[in-house]
Protein backbone atom coordinates (compact mmCIF):
# COMPACT_ATOMS: atom_id res chain seq x y z
CA UNK A 1 85.25 0.06 -56.50
CA UNK A 2 84.36 2.40 -53.83
CA UNK A 3 80.65 2.80 -52.83
CA UNK A 4 79.55 6.30 -52.74
CA UNK A 5 78.69 7.65 -49.16
CA UNK A 6 74.99 7.03 -48.23
CA UNK A 7 72.87 10.12 -47.86
CA UNK A 8 71.07 10.53 -44.50
CA UNK A 9 67.22 10.78 -44.61
CA UNK A 10 66.07 14.38 -44.16
CA UNK A 11 63.91 14.60 -41.04
CA UNK A 12 60.68 16.62 -41.47
CA UNK A 13 59.21 17.88 -38.48
CA UNK A 14 55.69 16.38 -37.53
CA UNK A 15 56.31 13.35 -40.05
CA UNK A 16 58.09 10.99 -37.62
CA UNK A 17 56.05 8.62 -35.44
CA UNK A 18 57.60 10.41 -32.31
CA UNK A 19 54.55 12.14 -30.42
CA UNK A 20 54.99 15.76 -30.17
CA UNK A 21 55.11 17.39 -26.82
CA UNK A 22 52.02 19.01 -25.59
CA UNK A 23 52.16 22.80 -26.22
CA UNK A 24 51.20 24.77 -23.14
CA UNK A 25 48.53 27.05 -24.37
CA UNK A 26 49.57 29.20 -21.35
CA UNK A 27 52.77 29.92 -22.81
CA UNK A 28 51.19 31.03 -26.19
CA UNK A 29 48.87 33.26 -24.51
CA UNK A 30 50.08 34.25 -21.15
CA UNK A 31 47.39 36.94 -20.84
CA UNK A 32 44.71 34.11 -20.06
CA UNK A 33 46.19 33.44 -16.56
CA UNK A 34 46.77 36.97 -15.84
CA UNK A 35 43.16 38.26 -16.55
CA UNK A 36 40.69 35.41 -16.78
CA UNK A 37 37.71 38.00 -16.96
CA UNK A 38 38.81 39.08 -20.22
CA UNK A 39 38.24 35.52 -21.91
CA UNK A 40 35.59 35.59 -24.62
CA UNK A 41 32.59 32.97 -24.32
CA UNK A 42 30.68 32.18 -27.39
CA UNK A 43 26.95 31.34 -26.80
CA UNK A 44 25.02 29.74 -29.67
CA UNK A 45 21.46 30.84 -29.69
CA UNK A 46 18.92 27.87 -30.03
CA UNK A 47 15.59 28.47 -31.46
CA UNK A 48 12.67 27.05 -29.32
CA UNK A 49 9.65 26.34 -31.49
CA UNK A 50 6.27 26.69 -30.04
CA UNK A 51 4.18 23.48 -30.01
CA UNK A 52 1.83 23.21 -32.78
CA UNK A 53 -1.99 22.34 -31.55
CA UNK A 54 -1.54 18.87 -32.62
CA UNK A 55 1.60 18.50 -30.57
CA UNK A 56 0.08 20.23 -27.55
CA UNK A 57 -2.80 17.87 -27.82
CA UNK A 58 -0.40 14.97 -27.83
CA UNK A 59 1.50 16.06 -25.00
CA UNK A 60 -1.73 16.46 -22.77
CA UNK A 61 -2.80 12.92 -23.83
CA UNK A 62 0.62 11.42 -23.14
CA UNK A 63 0.75 13.28 -19.62
CA UNK A 64 -2.78 11.93 -18.72
CA UNK A 65 -1.54 8.42 -19.55
CA UNK A 66 1.67 8.73 -17.22
CA UNK A 67 -0.56 10.41 -14.58
CA UNK A 68 -3.21 7.52 -14.71
CA UNK A 69 -0.76 4.62 -15.03
CA UNK A 70 -1.30 3.91 -11.31
CA UNK A 71 -4.97 3.86 -11.90
CA UNK A 72 -5.06 1.28 -14.59
CA UNK A 73 -2.53 -0.94 -12.54
CA UNK A 74 -4.73 -0.62 -9.42
CA UNK A 75 -7.89 -1.45 -11.27
CA UNK A 76 -6.22 -4.47 -13.11
CA UNK A 77 -5.07 -5.89 -9.61
CA UNK A 78 -8.40 -5.33 -8.21
CA UNK A 79 -10.07 -7.25 -10.96
CA UNK A 80 -7.43 -10.18 -10.71
CA UNK A 81 -8.16 -10.30 -7.00
CA UNK A 82 -11.87 -10.07 -7.02
CA UNK A 83 -12.39 -12.52 -10.01
CA UNK A 84 -9.61 -14.87 -8.46
CA UNK A 85 -7.99 -15.10 -11.94
CA UNK A 86 -4.73 -16.06 -10.20
CA UNK A 87 -6.33 -19.34 -8.83
CA UNK A 88 -5.03 -21.65 -11.69
CA UNK A 89 -1.47 -21.29 -10.78
CA UNK A 90 -1.29 -19.60 -7.17
CA UNK A 91 -3.18 -20.46 -4.06
CA UNK A 92 -3.45 -16.87 -2.78
CA UNK A 93 -3.53 -13.39 -4.41
CA UNK A 94 -0.56 -12.30 -2.38
CA UNK A 95 1.76 -15.27 -3.76
CA UNK A 96 0.41 -14.38 -7.30
CA UNK A 97 1.44 -10.73 -6.99
CA UNK A 98 4.92 -11.61 -5.59
CA UNK A 99 5.76 -14.34 -8.36
CA UNK A 100 4.35 -12.43 -11.30
CA UNK A 101 4.98 -8.78 -10.55
CA UNK A 102 7.43 -8.87 -7.75
CA UNK A 103 5.19 -6.94 -5.69
CA UNK A 104 5.09 -7.29 -1.71
CA UNK A 105 1.66 -7.77 -0.29
CA UNK A 106 1.52 -4.09 0.86
CA UNK A 107 2.71 -2.85 -2.47
CA UNK A 108 -0.14 -4.59 -4.26
CA UNK A 109 -2.70 -3.51 -1.87
CA UNK A 110 -1.44 0.03 -1.86
CA UNK A 111 -2.07 0.27 -5.61
CA UNK A 112 -5.76 -1.05 -5.19
CA UNK A 113 -6.44 1.13 -2.23
CA UNK A 114 -5.06 4.21 -4.19
CA UNK A 115 -7.50 3.33 -7.00
CA UNK A 116 -10.40 3.37 -4.66
CA UNK A 117 -9.34 6.71 -3.07
CA UNK A 118 -8.95 8.36 -6.51
CA UNK A 119 -12.44 7.35 -7.32
CA UNK A 120 -13.63 8.87 -4.05
CA UNK A 121 -11.86 12.05 -4.86
CA UNK A 122 -13.40 12.21 -8.33
CA UNK A 123 -16.84 11.91 -6.65
CA UNK A 124 -16.64 14.11 -3.68
CA UNK A 125 -14.36 16.92 -4.58
CA UNK A 126 -16.09 20.24 -5.17
CA UNK A 127 -14.91 21.20 -8.67
CA UNK A 128 -17.71 23.74 -9.49
CA UNK A 129 -16.15 27.06 -10.44
CA UNK A 130 -12.48 25.63 -10.10
CA UNK A 131 -10.16 22.95 -10.93
CA UNK A 132 -8.45 20.97 -8.05
CA UNK A 133 -5.42 19.07 -9.28
CA UNK A 134 -5.78 15.25 -8.94
CA UNK A 135 -3.04 12.78 -7.68
CA UNK A 136 -0.48 11.38 -10.19
CA UNK A 137 0.81 8.50 -8.25
CA UNK A 138 -0.09 6.12 -5.38
CA UNK A 139 2.60 7.40 -2.94
CA UNK A 140 0.52 10.73 -2.79
CA UNK A 141 -2.37 8.63 -1.57
CA UNK A 142 -0.29 6.20 0.80
CA UNK A 143 -1.39 7.87 4.10
CA UNK A 144 -4.91 8.78 2.88
CA UNK A 145 -5.59 5.11 1.91
CA UNK A 146 -4.24 3.77 5.27
CA UNK A 147 -5.95 6.20 7.45
CA UNK A 148 -9.45 4.47 6.53
CA UNK A 149 -11.45 7.61 6.53
CA UNK A 150 -14.94 8.03 4.99
CA UNK A 151 -15.01 9.00 1.17
CA UNK A 152 -16.21 12.50 1.67
CA UNK A 153 -13.38 13.04 4.51
CA UNK A 154 -10.73 11.73 2.02
CA UNK A 155 -11.84 14.32 -0.39
CA UNK A 156 -11.74 17.01 2.16
CA UNK A 157 -8.20 15.92 3.28
CA UNK A 158 -7.13 16.08 -0.41
CA UNK A 159 -8.56 19.66 -0.99
CA UNK A 160 -6.63 20.94 2.38
CA UNK A 161 -3.42 19.42 1.11
CA UNK A 162 -3.68 20.99 -2.29
CA UNK A 163 -4.26 24.31 -0.61
CA UNK A 164 -1.34 23.63 1.75
CA UNK A 165 0.94 22.95 -1.34
CA UNK A 166 -0.06 26.32 -3.03
CA UNK A 167 -2.79 24.90 -5.30
CA UNK A 168 -0.29 22.38 -6.64
CA UNK A 169 -0.33 18.59 -6.39
CA UNK A 170 0.60 17.86 -2.79
CA UNK A 171 3.38 15.38 -1.60
CA UNK A 172 2.74 12.34 0.40
CA UNK A 173 4.25 14.28 3.42
CA UNK A 174 1.86 16.96 3.26
CA UNK A 175 -1.12 14.60 2.89
CA UNK A 176 0.02 12.81 6.02
CA UNK A 177 0.25 16.13 7.74
CA UNK A 178 -3.45 16.74 7.09
CA UNK A 179 -4.35 13.21 7.89
CA UNK A 180 -2.61 13.45 11.36
CA UNK A 181 -4.57 16.67 12.04
CA UNK A 182 -7.97 15.09 11.28
CA UNK A 183 -6.96 12.25 13.33
CA UNK A 184 -6.10 14.63 16.32
CA UNK A 185 -9.24 16.56 15.98
CA UNK A 186 -11.53 13.37 15.87
CA UNK A 187 -9.70 11.40 18.58
CA UNK A 188 -11.99 9.30 20.78
CA UNK A 189 -11.08 7.12 23.62
CA UNK A 190 -11.21 3.34 22.99
CA UNK A 191 -14.50 2.21 24.28
CA UNK A 192 -13.84 -1.56 24.57
CA UNK A 193 -12.71 -3.48 27.56
CA UNK A 194 -10.90 -6.85 27.86
CA UNK A 195 -13.24 -9.92 27.94
CA UNK A 196 -16.00 -8.32 25.97
CA UNK A 197 -17.45 -9.96 22.78
CA UNK A 198 -17.31 -8.27 19.55
CA UNK A 199 -18.12 -9.06 15.95
CA UNK A 200 -15.56 -8.31 13.28
CA UNK A 201 -16.34 -5.72 10.52
CA UNK A 202 -14.28 -6.04 7.61
CA UNK A 203 -14.94 -2.82 5.64
CA UNK A 204 -11.95 -2.01 3.59
CA UNK A 205 -9.56 -3.90 5.77
CA UNK A 206 -8.02 -6.70 3.48
CA UNK A 207 -6.58 -8.56 6.58
CA UNK A 208 -10.28 -9.32 7.44
CA UNK A 209 -11.32 -10.37 4.01
CA UNK A 210 -13.60 -13.39 4.27
CA UNK A 211 -14.28 -12.85 7.97
CA UNK A 212 -17.33 -10.92 8.05
CA UNK A 213 -19.64 -11.87 10.90
CA UNK A 214 -16.92 -13.57 12.95
CA UNK A 215 -17.19 -12.87 16.64
CA UNK A 216 -14.28 -12.95 19.25
CA UNK A 217 -13.05 -11.98 22.67
CA UNK A 218 -11.27 -8.84 23.32
CA UNK A 219 -8.00 -9.77 24.61
CA UNK A 220 -5.98 -6.47 24.51
CA UNK A 221 -7.05 -2.78 24.36
CA UNK A 222 -4.78 -0.35 22.60
CA UNK A 223 -5.21 3.39 21.99
CA UNK A 224 -7.09 3.04 18.72
CA UNK A 225 -7.24 -0.63 18.38
CA UNK A 226 -7.87 -4.14 20.04
CA UNK A 227 -6.81 -7.62 19.76
CA UNK A 228 -9.74 -10.09 19.43
CA UNK A 229 -9.39 -13.85 19.84
CA UNK A 230 -11.75 -15.57 17.29
CA UNK A 231 -11.90 -19.30 16.55
CA UNK A 232 -9.38 -19.07 13.83
CA UNK A 233 -6.68 -16.90 15.53
CA UNK A 234 -5.96 -13.55 16.93
CA UNK A 235 -6.66 -10.44 14.98
CA UNK A 236 -5.56 -6.96 15.84
CA UNK A 237 -7.84 -4.22 14.19
CA UNK A 238 -8.92 -0.63 14.69
CA UNK A 239 -11.94 0.03 16.78
CA UNK A 240 -13.94 1.02 13.74
CA UNK A 241 -13.84 -2.52 12.65
CA UNK A 242 -15.56 -3.85 15.64
CA UNK A 243 -19.17 -4.08 16.82
CA UNK A 244 -19.90 -4.61 20.53
CA UNK A 245 -22.37 -7.30 21.52
CA UNK A 246 -24.19 -6.03 24.74
CA UNK A 247 -24.25 -9.09 26.79
CA UNK A 248 -24.57 -10.09 30.39
CA UNK A 249 -21.53 -11.06 32.26
CA UNK A 250 -22.63 -14.72 32.35
CA UNK A 251 -23.30 -14.68 28.74
CA UNK A 252 -19.71 -13.21 28.06
CA UNK A 253 -18.31 -15.97 30.18
CA UNK A 254 -20.07 -18.61 28.15
CA UNK A 255 -18.89 -17.24 24.80
CA UNK A 256 -15.34 -16.84 26.30
CA UNK A 257 -15.34 -20.65 27.08
CA UNK A 258 -16.86 -21.40 23.82
CA UNK A 259 -14.11 -19.59 22.02
CA UNK A 260 -11.46 -21.64 23.92
CA UNK A 261 -13.18 -24.75 22.72
CA UNK A 262 -13.31 -23.63 18.93
CA UNK A 263 -9.61 -22.64 19.03
CA UNK A 264 -8.76 -25.85 20.60
CA UNK A 265 -10.33 -27.75 17.96
CA UNK A 266 -8.87 -25.65 15.19
CA UNK A 267 -5.50 -26.37 16.31
CA UNK A 268 -5.81 -30.03 15.51
CA UNK A 269 -3.71 -30.37 12.33
CA UNK A 270 -5.35 -33.80 11.25
CA UNK A 271 -8.92 -32.73 11.51
CA UNK A 272 -11.51 -33.74 8.93
CA UNK A 273 -12.81 -30.99 6.58
CA UNK A 274 -16.16 -31.49 7.90
CA UNK A 275 -14.90 -29.99 11.17
CA UNK A 276 -14.43 -26.75 9.60
CA UNK A 277 -17.96 -26.36 8.65
CA UNK A 278 -18.93 -26.69 12.27
CA UNK A 279 -16.16 -24.20 13.33
CA UNK A 280 -17.05 -21.72 10.78
CA UNK A 281 -20.86 -22.03 11.59
CA UNK A 282 -20.25 -21.70 15.30
CA UNK A 283 -17.73 -18.89 14.80
CA UNK A 284 -20.22 -16.71 13.01
CA UNK A 285 -23.11 -17.63 15.54
CA UNK A 286 -22.75 -14.57 17.81
CA UNK A 287 -25.33 -15.83 20.40
CA UNK A 288 -24.50 -16.92 24.15
CA UNK A 289 -26.03 -20.33 23.72
CA UNK A 290 -25.78 -23.59 21.66
CA UNK A 291 -28.90 -25.64 20.49
CA UNK A 292 -28.98 -29.17 21.91
CA UNK A 293 -27.97 -30.51 18.59
CA UNK A 294 -24.90 -28.18 18.27
CA UNK A 295 -23.87 -29.01 21.78
CA UNK A 296 -23.98 -32.86 20.90
CA UNK A 297 -21.99 -32.30 17.69
CA UNK A 298 -19.44 -30.25 19.29
CA UNK A 299 -19.02 -32.74 22.10
CA UNK A 300 -18.78 -35.72 19.68
CA UNK A 301 -15.96 -33.94 17.64
CA UNK A 302 -14.12 -33.12 20.69
CA UNK A 303 -14.08 -36.81 21.80
CA UNK A 304 -13.18 -37.94 18.43
CA UNK A 305 -9.93 -35.89 18.86
CA UNK A 306 -9.50 -36.78 22.45
CA UNK A 307 -10.01 -33.21 23.59
CA UNK A 308 -11.12 -33.00 26.97
CA UNK A 309 -13.40 -29.89 28.25
CA UNK A 310 -14.41 -29.14 31.55
CA UNK A 311 -16.71 -26.29 31.92
CA UNK A 312 -15.36 -23.55 34.02
CA UNK A 313 -17.59 -22.01 36.91
């Protein structure tokens, strides 16, 4: 029996799995290439609703939180440092900041300094009759904090920077320009000389923390700073962190030699902790002489560690 011939499947356009070739829209509408300016653009209008009083109040509150975030961070770091709340896990505040917050030493102290400067601005800015915009981050106060100006001068610098910025919050660059002009107008020559004896004044310099009253010998004189050799090492500081001891030449020579002896003893790595008491006591006694007992104690300790000292004439 013969089979009936099979019927072929009817192919319906678009129903097969074969992808359709892309249709060139330019062919459908050739005028789009000929005259692009004739294209129609549809713009959907978006209604912008005004803020309610409650929303406006919330916005201002949140903006103030953002602006003052650096203040709360700086104050918290200051409390952690001053109360030594890091002491259970870290030997120094700098190590704690690096491990806990990933802050470098400069970054941590910049936040603290910025908080102090902000407080000075609040206190000394003339706000009667007008509103002067306040800083919103520590970068705007970076150069003002490093300049170590008096609080009232800091306020004057900020006020000038605001005016230079068109009565808006100035950038750090604008603040630096004003600080540089202040320095140029108040530049004074360095009054110190090599060999003179000075006392260290820490003020707001974190590098001199715990060194109030240390005396040392001026070993280098720069334009605005000096390097001073104290019993515990060399300290390069600005001239406002020094107080000159007006001594006779022979008194200066005595203290220069005493400084050499104390530094030599400080370099003994295996020294007893009681030696540090002697070093700190003599290192803060800014007098061109030793008592009889002090001289005997120093000589005894030097013999203990085989340190030979010959007085220079």
